[in-house]
Amino acid sequence: MSLSVELKDLEVLTTNAKQIQDDVLKEILTLNANTEYLKRFLDGSSDKELFKKNVPVVSYNDVKPYIERVANGEPSDVISGGTITRFVQSTGTSGGIHKIFPVNDKYIENLGYLLAVSSLITSKHFSDKVDEKGKKMAFLYNRLESKTPSGLALSSSFTSYFMSDYFKNRSSKCNSEYTSPDQVILCPDNNQSVYCHLLCGLSQREKVVGVSATFAHALIKAINALQIYWKELSSNIRSGHVSEWITDLDCKNAVSAILGGPDPELADVIEQECSHKSWEGIITRLWPKAKFIECIVTGQMAQYIPTLDFYSNKLPIVSMVYGSSESIFGVNVDPLSKPQDVSYTFLPNISYFEFLPIDHEEDMNTIVDLVGVKLGCYYETVVTSYFGLHRYLIGDILQVTGFYNNTPQFRFVRRKNIVLSVNSEATTEQDILKGLASATLVLESSNSMLTGFTCYADISSFPGHYVFYWELKAKDVDDVVELDENVLEECCYALEESFDALYKRLRSKEGSIGALEIKVVQQGTFDSLMEYFISKGGSVAQYKTPMCINSSETLAVLEDKVIARFYSQKSPPLNL
């Protein structure tokens, strides 16, 4: 399985978005109109207007029974006219619930196509700055697949991709685009995998032009691993032998071939750089030809931008792709845009896209097609896929920021239901990130930096209040985090000061919201949180620290690690 991709294809797609979207819907309906799910609405028709009139807009609970029936062994045509060959599973970090979705090889092709297009765009923008033979040090991870009751494979989107013939036979593999061989990516032990990624990247340090991962969190995890293992990694390079605890033989043999033998000079360089008290700029010091960081930093991943800036000497952070377990969506055609300005151009050949205005007031007739959205307006994405999702609400809120040819571009604003509230206020993901940006500026006056956070609305007592869990790390490697009470209380206030007028009125005037609290947790707490989600079926490659906590089990993981508490000591000013 392979697919030739050229940048000129993107021009054709985005110029003819309307016709392509109509063709995609026609193809989907022709394929699926006689499924048990759609037949009751369309009676076998593939007419677009009948589809819009009769097929309801749905959420996961509406289609879950149909999906589970196929997963349990009933025929694919319960929900899909094409054969379902596997299921992909969401991480559960966005809404707290693991969801499964039916797919087949076309889904894998779509994901591969998106990644190939994004790679071409990145190469185009950085080709005048880097050696053509350069490589990306990509922290990509796999995990063992599980099975549905009917025996079909169940895994994350990226595991599905890495296990596919599409990935194994990709054309770019011949060019060795990554510093790590496929055996490292496919290693199911993530600890062995990240160690070997680092070992391969260090041994080829002069070839690394970009450092990448799916999400920003995975890059931070890799830097943490480097801090733990750098002496051992250096020893491996000095001796030319991989550590004995790397027991995955395919992985170990492939990495040994890359090491090629002892390299004491390189080992000396690594030891010299990693021995510095401060790790500021460690990425550019160890990989001097690196020109960009590539990972998703929109949404809740934005919290890691200051940490990535610290470690990379503020290399450009390239956030290239937008997708989910339900569907692939779009690509960033302007990689050099600042993280806060990133917009994604939807690819009209992937799924059929509709958009529900966020102020729809339950009027589903306000839904518009992809090319019918208006500049500056906010919408929730509605997807119809080839695999059995029809007019499915994704739950992401997007804003139209412009057009690339005739195709709209969207800025990710927030997840629909990720809000904090203890009264009548609704503090959104965007509000939280704005407050976090203000608070981290205050934190810069201390010796600490924020490496992880989440929050929840505590209504166990009156008045209820917001609680933020923070994991802090000393800027200098060997230093211990010193908790400055004044600084952290001011961080509490900076968060509150960034929230909206209703929050401030309820907090400052009416007293129906209590003082915001920051609970500092032990180092490694957010790794424990990740391990908890992975134990429930999540994937390292797709893991996103949940911005808001809504389960007692997750809360227990955090509460067990709390080492200090701080409260806002003054009320935020009212907006006059």
Protein backbone atom coordinates (compact mmCIF):
# COMPACT_ATOMS: atom_id res chain seq x y z
CA MET A 1 0.00 0.00 0.00
CA SER A 2 1.52 3.33 -1.04
CA LEU A 3 0.35 6.74 -2.15
CA SER A 4 2.15 9.40 -4.18
CA VAL A 5 1.71 12.88 -2.75
CA GLU A 6 2.72 16.20 -4.30
CA LEU A 7 2.15 19.75 -3.11
CA LYS A 8 0.33 20.63 -6.32
CA ASP A 9 -2.38 18.19 -5.21
CA LEU A 10 -3.10 20.50 -2.28
CA GLU A 11 -3.70 23.39 -4.69
CA VAL A 12 -6.18 21.33 -6.70
CA LEU A 13 -8.01 20.13 -3.58
CA THR A 14 -8.36 23.56 -1.99
CA THR A 15 -9.35 25.27 -5.22
CA ASN A 16 -12.15 22.79 -5.93
CA ALA A 17 -13.34 22.26 -2.35
CA LYS A 18 -17.09 22.54 -3.05
CA GLN A 19 -17.16 20.01 -5.89
CA ILE A 20 -14.87 17.63 -4.04
CA GLN A 21 -17.05 17.80 -0.91
CA ASP A 22 -20.17 17.08 -2.96
CA ASP A 23 -18.41 14.14 -4.59
CA VAL A 24 -17.23 12.81 -1.21
CA LEU A 25 -20.76 12.93 0.22
CA LYS A 26 -22.16 11.23 -2.88
CA GLU A 27 -19.56 8.48 -2.56
CA ILE A 28 -20.21 8.02 1.17
CA LEU A 29 -23.99 7.85 0.72
CA THR A 30 -23.75 5.48 -2.25
CA LEU A 31 -21.58 3.23 -0.11
CA ASN A 32 -23.61 3.44 3.10
CA ALA A 33 -27.21 4.33 2.20
CA ASN A 34 -28.40 0.73 2.62
CA THR A 35 -26.80 0.16 6.01
CA GLU A 36 -29.16 -0.54 8.87
CA TYR A 37 -28.35 2.84 10.41
CA LEU A 38 -28.87 5.05 7.33
CA LYS A 39 -31.62 3.10 5.57
CA ARG A 40 -34.25 4.23 8.07
CA PHE A 41 -33.51 7.85 7.15
CA LEU A 42 -32.71 7.60 3.41
CA ASP A 43 -34.44 4.41 2.24
CA GLY A 44 -31.44 3.67 0.01
CA SER A 45 -31.19 7.16 -1.51
CA SER A 46 -27.90 9.04 -1.91
CA ASP A 47 -29.54 12.44 -2.37
CA LYS A 48 -27.76 15.28 -0.57
CA GLU A 49 -30.87 17.27 0.27
CA LEU A 50 -32.65 14.23 1.68
CA PHE A 51 -29.54 13.51 3.73
CA LYS A 52 -29.56 17.01 5.21
CA LYS A 53 -33.30 16.91 5.85
CA ASN A 54 -33.63 13.45 7.39
CA VAL A 55 -30.33 12.36 8.95
CA PRO A 56 -30.05 13.70 12.50
CA VAL A 57 -27.00 15.34 14.06
CA VAL A 58 -25.72 12.90 16.68
CA SER A 59 -23.21 12.42 19.47
CA TYR A 60 -21.32 9.29 20.52
CA ASN A 61 -24.06 7.88 22.74
CA ASP A 62 -26.43 7.89 19.76
CA VAL A 63 -24.18 5.69 17.60
CA LYS A 64 -22.46 3.69 20.35
CA PRO A 65 -24.98 0.79 20.23
CA TYR A 66 -24.40 0.32 16.47
CA ILE A 67 -20.62 0.51 16.84
CA GLU A 68 -20.65 -2.03 19.69
CA ARG A 69 -22.78 -4.43 17.70
CA VAL A 70 -20.15 -4.56 14.94
CA ALA A 71 -17.37 -4.79 17.53
CA ASN A 72 -19.22 -7.75 19.05
CA GLY A 73 -19.39 -9.62 15.76
CA GLU A 74 -22.41 -8.45 13.78
CA PRO A 75 -21.84 -7.61 10.07
CA SER A 76 -20.24 -4.31 9.09
CA ASP A 77 -23.40 -3.22 7.24
CA VAL A 78 -25.07 -2.44 10.54
CA ILE A 79 -23.32 0.90 10.17
CA SER A 80 -20.90 0.75 7.21
CA GLY A 81 -21.26 -0.31 3.58
CA GLY A 82 -17.54 -1.02 3.47
CA THR A 83 -15.91 -3.80 5.42
CA ILE A 84 -14.77 -2.73 8.89
CA THR A 85 -11.32 -4.20 9.47
CA ARG A 86 -10.34 -2.62 12.80
CA PHE A 87 -11.36 -0.12 15.46
CA VAL A 88 -9.49 2.94 16.70
CA GLN A 89 -9.77 4.03 20.31
CA SER A 90 -9.67 7.56 21.68
CA THR A 91 -7.37 8.29 24.62
CA GLY A 92 -10.20 9.39 26.88
CA THR A 93 -8.28 12.50 28.01
CA SER A 94 -10.55 15.04 26.30
CA GLY A 95 -13.88 13.96 27.71
CA GLY A 96 -12.92 11.31 30.23
CA ILE A 97 -14.47 8.46 28.22
CA HIS A 98 -12.72 5.99 25.91
CA LYS A 99 -14.58 5.76 22.62
CA ILE A 100 -14.09 3.27 19.80
CA PHE A 101 -14.67 3.97 16.11
CA PRO A 102 -14.90 1.57 13.13
CA VAL A 103 -12.36 2.08 10.32
CA ASN A 104 -10.63 0.27 7.49
CA ASP A 105 -7.57 0.80 5.28
CA LYS A 106 -8.96 4.04 3.87
CA TYR A 107 -8.64 5.64 7.33
CA ILE A 108 -4.97 4.61 7.44
CA GLU A 109 -4.45 6.03 3.95
CA ASN A 110 -6.05 9.31 5.02
CA LEU A 111 -3.77 9.59 8.04
CA GLY A 112 -0.74 8.73 5.94
CA TYR A 113 -1.81 11.27 3.32
CA LEU A 114 -2.15 14.02 5.94
CA LEU A 115 1.30 13.26 7.37
CA ALA A 116 2.84 13.17 3.90
CA VAL A 117 1.30 16.54 2.94
CA SER A 118 2.44 18.11 6.21
CA SER A 119 5.98 16.77 5.66
CA LEU A 120 6.11 18.30 2.19
CA ILE A 121 4.92 21.67 3.51
CA THR A 122 7.49 21.61 6.31
CA SER A 123 10.28 20.69 3.87
CA LYS A 124 9.26 23.49 1.54
CA HIS A 125 9.48 26.12 4.30
CA PHE A 126 12.75 24.88 5.79
CA SER A 127 14.53 23.51 2.71
CA ASP A 128 16.59 26.68 2.22
CA LYS A 129 17.81 26.44 5.81
CA VAL A 130 18.74 22.80 6.19
CA ASP A 131 20.85 20.14 4.55
CA GLU A 132 18.73 18.09 2.16
CA LYS A 133 20.08 14.94 3.79
CA GLY A 134 18.96 16.03 7.25
CA LYS A 135 16.70 13.89 9.41
CA LYS A 136 14.02 14.36 12.01
CA MET A 137 14.51 12.95 15.46
CA ALA A 138 10.92 11.82 15.87
CA PHE A 139 9.63 10.46 19.15
CA LEU A 140 6.99 8.13 17.77
CA TYR A 141 5.54 5.30 19.82
CA ASN A 142 3.59 2.12 19.36
CA ARG A 143 1.68 -0.09 21.77
CA LEU A 144 0.32 -3.61 21.57
CA GLU A 145 -3.06 -3.89 19.92
CA SER A 146 -5.99 -5.42 21.73
CA LYS A 147 -8.99 -7.17 20.20
CA THR A 148 -12.72 -6.56 20.13
CA PRO A 149 -14.99 -9.48 21.12
CA SER A 150 -15.27 -10.30 17.41
CA GLY A 151 -11.48 -10.48 17.03
CA LEU A 152 -10.89 -7.22 15.16
CA ALA A 153 -7.85 -5.16 16.11
CA LEU A 154 -8.41 -2.27 18.54
CA SER A 155 -5.74 0.39 19.01
CA SER A 156 -4.97 4.10 18.88
CA SER A 157 -4.94 5.91 15.53
CA PHE A 158 -1.16 6.04 15.38
CA THR A 159 -0.68 2.42 16.40
CA SER A 160 -3.08 1.50 13.60
CA TYR A 161 -0.94 3.54 11.23
CA PHE A 162 2.42 2.20 12.41
CA MET A 163 1.18 -1.41 12.19
CA SER A 164 -0.13 -0.92 8.65
CA ASP A 165 1.42 -1.85 5.32
CA TYR A 166 1.10 1.82 4.40
CA PHE A 167 3.66 2.78 7.04
CA LYS A 168 5.92 -0.21 6.51
CA ASN A 169 6.03 0.34 2.73
CA ARG A 170 6.03 4.16 2.67
CA SER A 171 8.21 5.71 -0.01
CA SER A 172 9.96 8.09 2.42
CA LYS A 173 11.32 5.07 4.32
CA CYS A 174 13.93 4.66 1.58
CA ASN A 175 15.24 8.13 2.42
CA SER A 176 15.62 7.31 6.13
CA GLU A 177 13.68 10.43 7.10
CA TYR A 178 13.91 9.60 10.81
CA THR A 179 17.00 9.08 12.96
CA SER A 180 15.29 6.02 14.48
CA PRO A 181 14.68 2.84 12.48
CA ASP A 182 11.16 1.43 12.35
CA GLN A 183 12.07 -1.21 14.94
CA VAL A 184 12.38 1.54 17.57
CA ILE A 185 9.02 3.07 16.61
CA LEU A 186 7.33 -0.35 16.67
CA CYS A 187 8.81 -1.39 20.03
CA PRO A 188 5.79 -1.84 22.34
CA ASP A 189 7.79 -0.94 25.48
CA ASN A 190 7.70 2.85 25.58
CA ASN A 191 10.61 3.12 28.05
CA GLN A 192 12.87 1.12 25.77
CA SER A 193 11.57 3.05 22.79
CA VAL A 194 12.26 6.54 24.13
CA TYR A 195 15.76 5.47 25.25
CA CYS A 196 16.55 4.11 21.80
CA HIS A 197 15.08 7.19 20.10
CA LEU A 198 17.49 9.30 22.14
CA LEU A 199 20.43 7.00 21.46
CA CYS A 200 19.79 7.07 17.70
CA GLY A 201 19.30 10.83 17.73
CA LEU A 202 22.48 11.48 19.70
CA SER A 203 24.59 9.18 17.54
CA GLN A 204 23.42 11.12 14.46
CA ARG A 205 23.41 14.57 16.09
CA GLU A 206 24.97 16.32 13.07
CA LYS A 207 22.15 15.09 10.80
CA VAL A 208 19.22 16.23 12.96
CA VAL A 209 17.40 19.21 11.42
CA GLY A 210 14.12 18.85 13.29
CA VAL A 211 12.86 17.38 16.56
CA SER A 212 9.31 16.08 16.53
CA ALA A 213 6.55 14.16 18.28
CA THR A 214 2.81 13.90 17.85
CA PHE A 215 2.02 16.10 20.88
CA ALA A 216 4.16 18.51 22.89
CA HIS A 217 3.80 16.33 25.98
CA ALA A 218 5.74 13.51 24.28
CA LEU A 219 8.67 15.87 23.63
CA ILE A 220 8.76 17.00 27.25
CA LYS A 221 8.71 13.35 28.30
CA ALA A 222 11.70 12.69 26.02
CA ILE A 223 13.69 15.58 27.55
CA ASN A 224 12.91 14.21 31.01
CA ALA A 225 14.20 10.81 29.89
CA LEU A 226 17.36 12.48 28.59
CA GLN A 227 17.93 14.07 31.99
CA ILE A 228 17.63 10.66 33.63
CA TYR A 229 19.67 8.62 31.15
CA TRP A 230 22.26 10.96 29.62
CA LYS A 231 25.21 9.36 31.42
CA GLU A 232 24.11 5.90 30.34
CA LEU A 233 23.45 7.07 26.78
CA SER A 234 26.91 8.61 26.65
CA SER A 235 28.41 5.37 27.96
CA ASN A 236 26.60 3.40 25.21
CA ILE A 237 28.03 5.72 22.56
CA ARG A 238 31.51 5.56 24.11
CA SER A 239 31.50 1.74 24.08
CA GLY A 240 29.43 1.21 20.94
CA HIS A 241 27.11 -1.16 22.81
CA VAL A 242 23.43 -0.78 23.72
CA SER A 243 22.48 -1.22 27.41
CA GLU A 244 21.55 -4.73 28.53
CA TRP A 245 18.11 -3.66 29.77
CA ILE A 246 17.06 -3.02 26.17
CA THR A 247 15.61 -6.49 25.67
CA ASP A 248 13.56 -5.99 22.49
CA LEU A 249 15.98 -7.78 20.14
CA ASP A 250 14.70 -6.25 16.88
CA CYS A 251 15.02 -2.81 18.41
CA LYS A 252 18.42 -3.51 19.97
CA ASN A 253 19.93 -4.96 16.79
CA ALA A 254 18.70 -2.06 14.67
CA VAL A 255 20.10 0.52 17.10
CA SER A 256 23.42 -1.33 17.36
CA ALA A 257 23.77 -1.10 13.57
CA ILE A 258 23.25 2.67 13.76
CA LEU A 259 25.82 3.07 16.55
CA GLY A 260 28.34 1.28 14.36
CA GLY A 261 31.00 1.08 17.06
CA PRO A 262 32.66 3.18 19.78
CA ASP A 263 32.64 6.99 19.44
CA PRO A 264 34.45 8.47 22.47
CA GLU A 265 34.62 11.97 20.96
CA LEU A 266 30.85 12.17 20.63
CA ALA A 267 30.45 10.78 24.15
CA ASP A 268 32.68 13.58 25.45
CA VAL A 269 30.53 16.21 23.72
CA ILE A 270 27.31 14.78 25.20
CA GLU A 271 28.79 14.64 28.69
CA GLN A 272 30.08 18.20 28.41
CA GLU A 273 26.71 19.63 27.34
CA CYS A 274 24.59 17.61 29.75
CA SER A 275 26.85 18.40 32.70
CA HIS A 276 25.94 22.08 32.58
CA LYS A 277 23.94 23.24 35.58
CA SER A 278 21.32 24.82 33.33
CA TRP A 279 19.62 22.86 30.59
CA GLU A 280 18.37 25.97 28.85
CA GLY A 281 18.86 25.46 25.11
CA ILE A 282 19.84 21.80 25.53
CA ILE A 283 18.17 20.85 22.24
CA THR A 284 20.22 23.27 20.15
CA ARG A 285 23.37 22.45 22.11
CA LEU A 286 23.09 18.72 21.51
CA TRP A 287 21.61 19.01 18.01
CA PRO A 288 23.20 22.20 16.59
CA LYS A 289 21.63 21.89 13.14
CA ALA A 290 18.07 21.61 14.46
CA LYS A 291 15.96 24.36 12.89
CA PHE A 292 12.47 23.60 14.19
CA ILE A 293 10.37 21.73 16.74
CA GLU A 294 7.38 19.88 15.30
CA CYS A 295 4.48 18.85 17.52
CA ILE A 296 0.89 19.81 18.20
CA VAL A 297 0.79 22.77 20.61
CA THR A 298 -2.80 23.92 20.15
CA GLY A 299 -5.52 23.38 22.74
CA GLN A 300 -4.31 21.97 26.05
CA MET A 301 -0.86 21.35 24.54
CA ALA A 302 -0.27 25.12 24.63
CA GLN A 303 0.76 24.77 28.28
CA TYR A 304 4.07 23.23 27.16
CA ILE A 305 5.17 26.08 24.88
CA PRO A 306 7.23 27.94 27.55
CA THR A 307 9.03 24.70 28.48
CA LEU A 308 9.79 23.90 24.83
CA ASP A 309 11.07 27.45 24.35
CA PHE A 310 13.35 27.01 27.36
CA TYR A 311 14.89 23.76 26.14
CA SER A 312 15.16 24.78 22.47
CA ASN A 313 16.37 28.40 22.62
CA LYS A 314 13.00 29.35 21.14
CA LEU A 315 13.30 27.39 17.92
CA PRO A 316 10.18 27.76 15.74
CA ILE A 317 7.46 25.41 16.98
CA VAL A 318 5.65 23.90 14.01
CA SER A 319 2.13 22.60 14.70
CA MET A 320 1.24 20.89 11.44
CA VAL A 321 -1.79 18.60 11.65
CA TYR A 322 -5.29 18.51 13.07
CA GLY A 323 -7.13 15.25 13.47
CA SER A 324 -8.92 12.98 15.90
CA SER A 325 -9.90 9.35 16.29
CA GLU A 326 -13.14 10.14 14.45
CA SER A 327 -11.61 11.74 11.35
CA ILE A 328 -8.62 13.48 9.85
CA PHE A 329 -9.31 17.19 9.32
CA GLY A 330 -6.60 19.48 8.07
CA VAL A 331 -3.06 20.75 7.77
CA ASN A 332 -1.22 23.96 8.64
CA VAL A 333 -0.03 25.52 5.36
CA ASP A 334 1.97 28.20 7.20
CA PRO A 335 4.41 26.32 9.47
CA LEU A 336 6.18 29.51 10.53
CA SER A 337 3.07 30.99 12.12
CA LYS A 338 3.30 31.48 15.88
CA PRO A 339 1.66 28.71 17.95
CA GLN A 340 -1.16 31.01 19.06
CA ASP A 341 -1.88 31.92 15.42
CA VAL A 342 -1.93 28.40 13.97
CA SER A 343 -4.83 27.67 11.63
CA TYR A 344 -5.60 24.45 9.83
CA THR A 345 -6.78 24.19 6.23
CA PHE A 346 -9.34 21.40 5.99
CA LEU A 347 -8.70 18.74 3.34
CA PRO A 348 -11.98 18.33 1.43
CA ASN A 349 -11.22 14.79 0.18
CA ILE A 350 -11.07 13.16 3.64
CA SER A 351 -14.64 13.26 4.99
CA TYR A 352 -17.77 15.30 4.44
CA PHE A 353 -17.65 18.32 6.75
CA GLU A 354 -20.49 20.48 8.04
CA PHE A 355 -20.42 23.20 10.65
CA LEU A 356 -22.91 24.06 13.37
CA PRO A 357 -22.78 27.67 14.61
CA ILE A 358 -22.15 27.71 18.36
CA ASP A 359 -25.12 30.05 18.84
CA HIS A 360 -27.48 27.71 16.99
CA GLU A 361 -30.01 27.52 19.87
CA GLU A 362 -30.94 23.94 18.87
CA ASP A 363 -31.81 25.02 15.29
CA MET A 364 -30.04 22.37 13.22
CA ASN A 365 -31.09 24.12 10.03
CA THR A 366 -28.29 26.62 10.68
CA ILE A 367 -25.67 24.01 9.73
CA VAL A 368 -23.54 25.03 6.74
CA ASP A 369 -21.21 23.18 4.39
CA LEU A 370 -17.42 23.54 4.45
CA VAL A 371 -17.40 26.34 1.90
CA GLY A 372 -20.40 28.07 3.52
CA VAL A 373 -18.69 29.16 6.75
CA LYS A 374 -18.15 32.86 7.43
CA LEU A 375 -14.92 34.60 8.37
CA GLY A 376 -14.56 35.21 12.10
CA CYS A 377 -17.49 33.00 13.10
CA TYR A 378 -17.35 30.08 15.55
CA TYR A 379 -18.58 26.59 14.72
CA GLU A 380 -18.68 23.04 16.00
CA THR A 381 -17.50 20.47 13.45
CA VAL A 382 -19.98 17.87 12.15
CA VAL A 383 -18.44 14.89 10.33
CA THR A 384 -19.77 12.28 7.95
CA SER A 385 -17.13 9.61 7.33
CA TYR A 386 -16.76 6.61 5.06
CA PHE A 387 -16.84 4.25 8.04
CA GLY A 388 -20.21 4.76 9.69
CA LEU A 389 -20.26 8.17 11.34
CA HIS A 390 -23.03 10.32 9.86
CA ARG A 391 -23.50 13.95 10.93
CA TYR A 392 -21.45 13.27 14.05
CA LEU A 393 -20.62 16.12 16.41
CA ILE A 394 -16.88 16.10 17.08
CA GLY A 395 -17.05 18.43 20.10
CA ASP A 396 -14.35 20.88 18.96
CA ILE A 397 -15.08 24.59 18.73
CA LEU A 398 -13.29 26.25 15.79
CA GLN A 399 -13.06 29.81 14.46
CA VAL A 400 -12.78 30.65 10.77
CA THR A 401 -9.58 32.68 10.31
CA GLY A 402 -9.25 32.84 6.53
CA PHE A 403 -9.27 30.89 3.30
CA TYR A 404 -6.58 29.02 1.38
CA ASN A 405 -7.77 29.22 -2.22
CA ASN A 406 -11.45 28.30 -1.76
CA THR A 407 -11.06 26.23 1.39
CA PRO A 408 -11.58 27.70 4.88
CA GLN A 409 -8.93 27.73 7.56
CA PHE A 410 -9.81 27.18 11.20
CA ARG A 411 -8.22 28.01 14.51
CA PHE A 412 -8.79 25.45 17.25
CA VAL A 413 -10.49 27.30 20.10
CA ARG A 414 -11.43 24.66 22.65
CA ARG A 415 -13.21 21.42 23.35
CA LYS A 416 -16.94 22.04 23.68
CA ASN A 417 -17.48 20.64 27.15
CA ILE A 418 -14.16 21.42 28.83
CA VAL A 419 -15.20 24.14 31.25
CA LEU A 420 -14.92 24.93 34.92
CA SER A 421 -17.98 26.10 36.78
CA VAL A 422 -19.06 26.23 40.42
CA ASN A 423 -21.95 28.66 39.95
CA SER A 424 -23.44 30.22 36.85
CA GLU A 425 -20.07 31.13 35.29
CA ALA A 426 -18.50 29.04 32.51
CA THR A 427 -14.72 29.23 32.35
CA THR A 428 -13.58 27.77 29.03
CA GLU A 429 -10.37 26.12 27.89
CA GLN A 430 -9.43 29.40 26.22
CA ASP A 431 -9.95 31.29 29.50
CA ILE A 432 -7.81 28.76 31.36
CA LEU A 433 -4.96 29.01 28.86
CA LYS A 434 -5.08 32.79 28.97
CA GLY A 435 -4.87 32.69 32.77
CA LEU A 436 -2.07 30.16 32.65
CA ALA A 437 -0.03 32.41 30.35
CA SER A 438 -0.36 35.25 32.88
CA ALA A 439 0.53 33.02 35.81
CA THR A 440 3.63 31.58 34.15
CA LEU A 441 4.93 35.10 33.61
CA VAL A 442 4.69 35.59 37.37
CA LEU A 443 6.42 32.24 37.92
CA GLU A 444 9.42 33.35 35.83
CA SER A 445 10.64 35.42 38.80
CA SER A 446 11.34 32.17 40.70
CA ASN A 447 13.76 29.30 40.05
CA SER A 448 10.89 27.09 38.85
CA MET A 449 9.05 26.34 35.64
CA LEU A 450 5.69 24.70 35.12
CA THR A 451 5.91 21.22 33.58
CA GLY A 452 2.31 20.05 33.92
CA PHE A 453 -1.11 21.19 35.08
CA THR A 454 -4.74 20.25 35.25
CA CYS A 455 -7.69 21.62 37.18
CA TYR A 456 -11.17 20.95 38.52
CA ALA A 457 -14.08 22.74 40.16
CA ASP A 458 -14.27 21.78 43.84
CA ILE A 459 -17.86 22.05 45.04
CA SER A 460 -17.43 19.81 48.08
CA SER A 461 -17.82 22.90 50.30
CA PHE A 462 -19.40 26.33 49.98
CA PRO A 463 -18.42 28.47 48.28
CA GLY A 464 -16.96 26.22 45.61
CA HIS A 465 -13.62 27.16 44.12
CA TYR A 466 -11.23 26.32 41.31
CA VAL A 467 -8.30 24.02 42.06
CA PHE A 468 -5.21 23.89 39.83
CA TYR A 469 -2.69 21.06 40.18
CA TRP A 470 0.80 22.22 39.24
CA GLU A 471 3.96 20.20 38.80
CA LEU A 472 7.07 22.37 39.02
CA LYS A 473 10.66 21.77 38.07
CA ALA A 474 13.84 23.73 38.84
CA LYS A 475 15.32 25.55 35.86
CA ASP A 476 18.78 24.30 36.78
CA VAL A 477 19.18 20.53 36.66
CA ASP A 478 20.61 19.86 40.09
CA ASP A 479 18.54 22.44 41.96
CA VAL A 480 15.63 21.59 44.21
CA VAL A 481 12.34 23.38 43.58
CA GLU A 482 11.92 26.14 46.13
CA LEU A 483 8.27 27.00 46.70
CA ASP A 484 8.01 30.76 47.12
CA GLU A 485 4.73 31.43 48.90
CA ASN A 486 4.42 35.01 47.66
CA VAL A 487 5.09 34.03 44.04
CA LEU A 488 2.60 31.16 44.05
CA GLU A 489 -0.10 33.23 45.75
CA GLU A 490 0.46 35.84 43.07
CA CYS A 491 0.11 33.09 40.44
CA CYS A 492 -3.30 32.27 41.95
CA TYR A 493 -4.29 35.90 41.61
CA ALA A 494 -2.95 36.12 38.02
CA LEU A 495 -5.17 33.19 37.05
CA GLU A 496 -8.26 34.77 38.59
CA GLU A 497 -7.52 38.17 37.10
CA SER A 498 -7.61 36.62 33.62
CA PHE A 499 -11.09 35.13 33.95
CA ASP A 500 -14.24 36.82 32.68
CA ALA A 501 -16.46 39.47 34.24
CA LEU A 502 -19.04 37.02 35.60
CA TYR A 503 -16.38 35.01 37.43
CA LYS A 504 -14.98 38.20 38.95
CA ARG A 505 -18.41 39.41 40.07
CA LEU A 506 -19.32 36.09 41.67
CA ARG A 507 -15.89 35.89 43.30
CA SER A 508 -15.33 39.50 44.38
CA LYS A 509 -18.77 41.01 44.87
CA GLU A 510 -21.15 38.18 45.70
CA GLY A 511 -18.72 35.78 47.39
CA SER A 512 -20.29 32.75 45.73
CA ILE A 513 -16.93 31.56 44.37
CA GLY A 514 -14.05 30.94 46.78
CA ALA A 515 -10.39 31.84 46.37
CA LEU A 516 -8.58 29.95 43.62
CA GLU A 517 -6.19 27.27 44.91
CA ILE A 518 -2.94 25.93 43.45
CA LYS A 519 -1.91 22.50 44.71
CA VAL A 520 1.74 21.73 43.96
CA VAL A 521 2.32 18.04 43.34
CA GLN A 522 5.44 15.87 43.46
CA GLN A 523 7.68 15.66 40.42
CA GLY A 524 6.59 12.74 38.26
CA THR A 525 2.92 13.12 39.17
CA PHE A 526 1.84 13.86 35.64
CA ASP A 527 3.79 10.84 34.41
CA SER A 528 1.73 8.82 36.91
CA LEU A 529 -1.41 10.43 35.50
CA MET A 530 -0.36 9.44 31.98
CA GLU A 531 0.34 5.88 33.12
CA TYR A 532 -3.15 5.77 34.62
CA PHE A 533 -4.75 6.71 31.30
CA ILE A 534 -2.51 4.31 29.38
CA SER A 535 -3.54 1.50 31.74
CA LYS A 536 -7.12 2.24 30.70
CA GLY A 537 -6.28 1.77 27.01
CA GLY A 538 -4.70 5.10 26.05
CA SER A 539 -1.61 5.63 23.88
CA VAL A 540 1.62 7.49 24.66
CA ALA A 541 1.70 8.89 21.13
CA GLN A 542 -1.76 10.43 21.45
CA TYR A 543 -1.76 11.25 25.15
CA LYS A 544 -2.86 14.76 26.11
CA THR A 545 -2.87 15.79 29.75
CA PRO A 546 -6.55 16.45 30.50
CA MET A 547 -7.08 20.14 31.07
CA CYS A 548 -9.95 19.50 33.45
CA ILE A 549 -10.48 16.53 35.75
CA ASN A 550 -13.95 15.07 36.06
CA SER A 551 -13.50 11.63 37.63
CA SER A 552 -12.85 10.64 41.23
CA GLU A 553 -10.28 8.01 40.16
CA THR A 554 -8.17 10.58 38.30
CA LEU A 555 -8.51 13.04 41.16
CA ALA A 556 -7.23 10.41 43.58
CA VAL A 557 -4.02 10.01 41.54
CA LEU A 558 -3.35 13.73 41.94
CA GLU A 559 -4.43 14.18 45.55
CA ASP A 560 -2.06 11.46 46.66
CA LYS A 561 0.87 13.52 45.32
CA VAL A 562 0.04 16.99 46.72
CA ILE A 563 2.95 18.53 48.66
CA ALA A 564 1.78 22.15 49.15
CA ARG A 565 -1.29 24.38 48.80
CA PHE A 566 -1.56 28.06 47.97
CA TYR A 567 -4.59 30.37 47.74
CA SER A 568 -5.24 33.70 46.09
CA GLN A 569 -4.96 36.32 48.81
CA LYS A 570 -6.99 39.03 47.09
CA SER A 571 -10.08 39.22 44.95
CA PRO A 572 -9.75 40.05 41.26
CA PRO A 573 -10.92 43.54 40.24
CA LEU A 574 -14.39 43.91 38.82
CA ASN A 575 -14.66 44.88 35.15
CA LEU A 576 -16.25 48.32 35.16
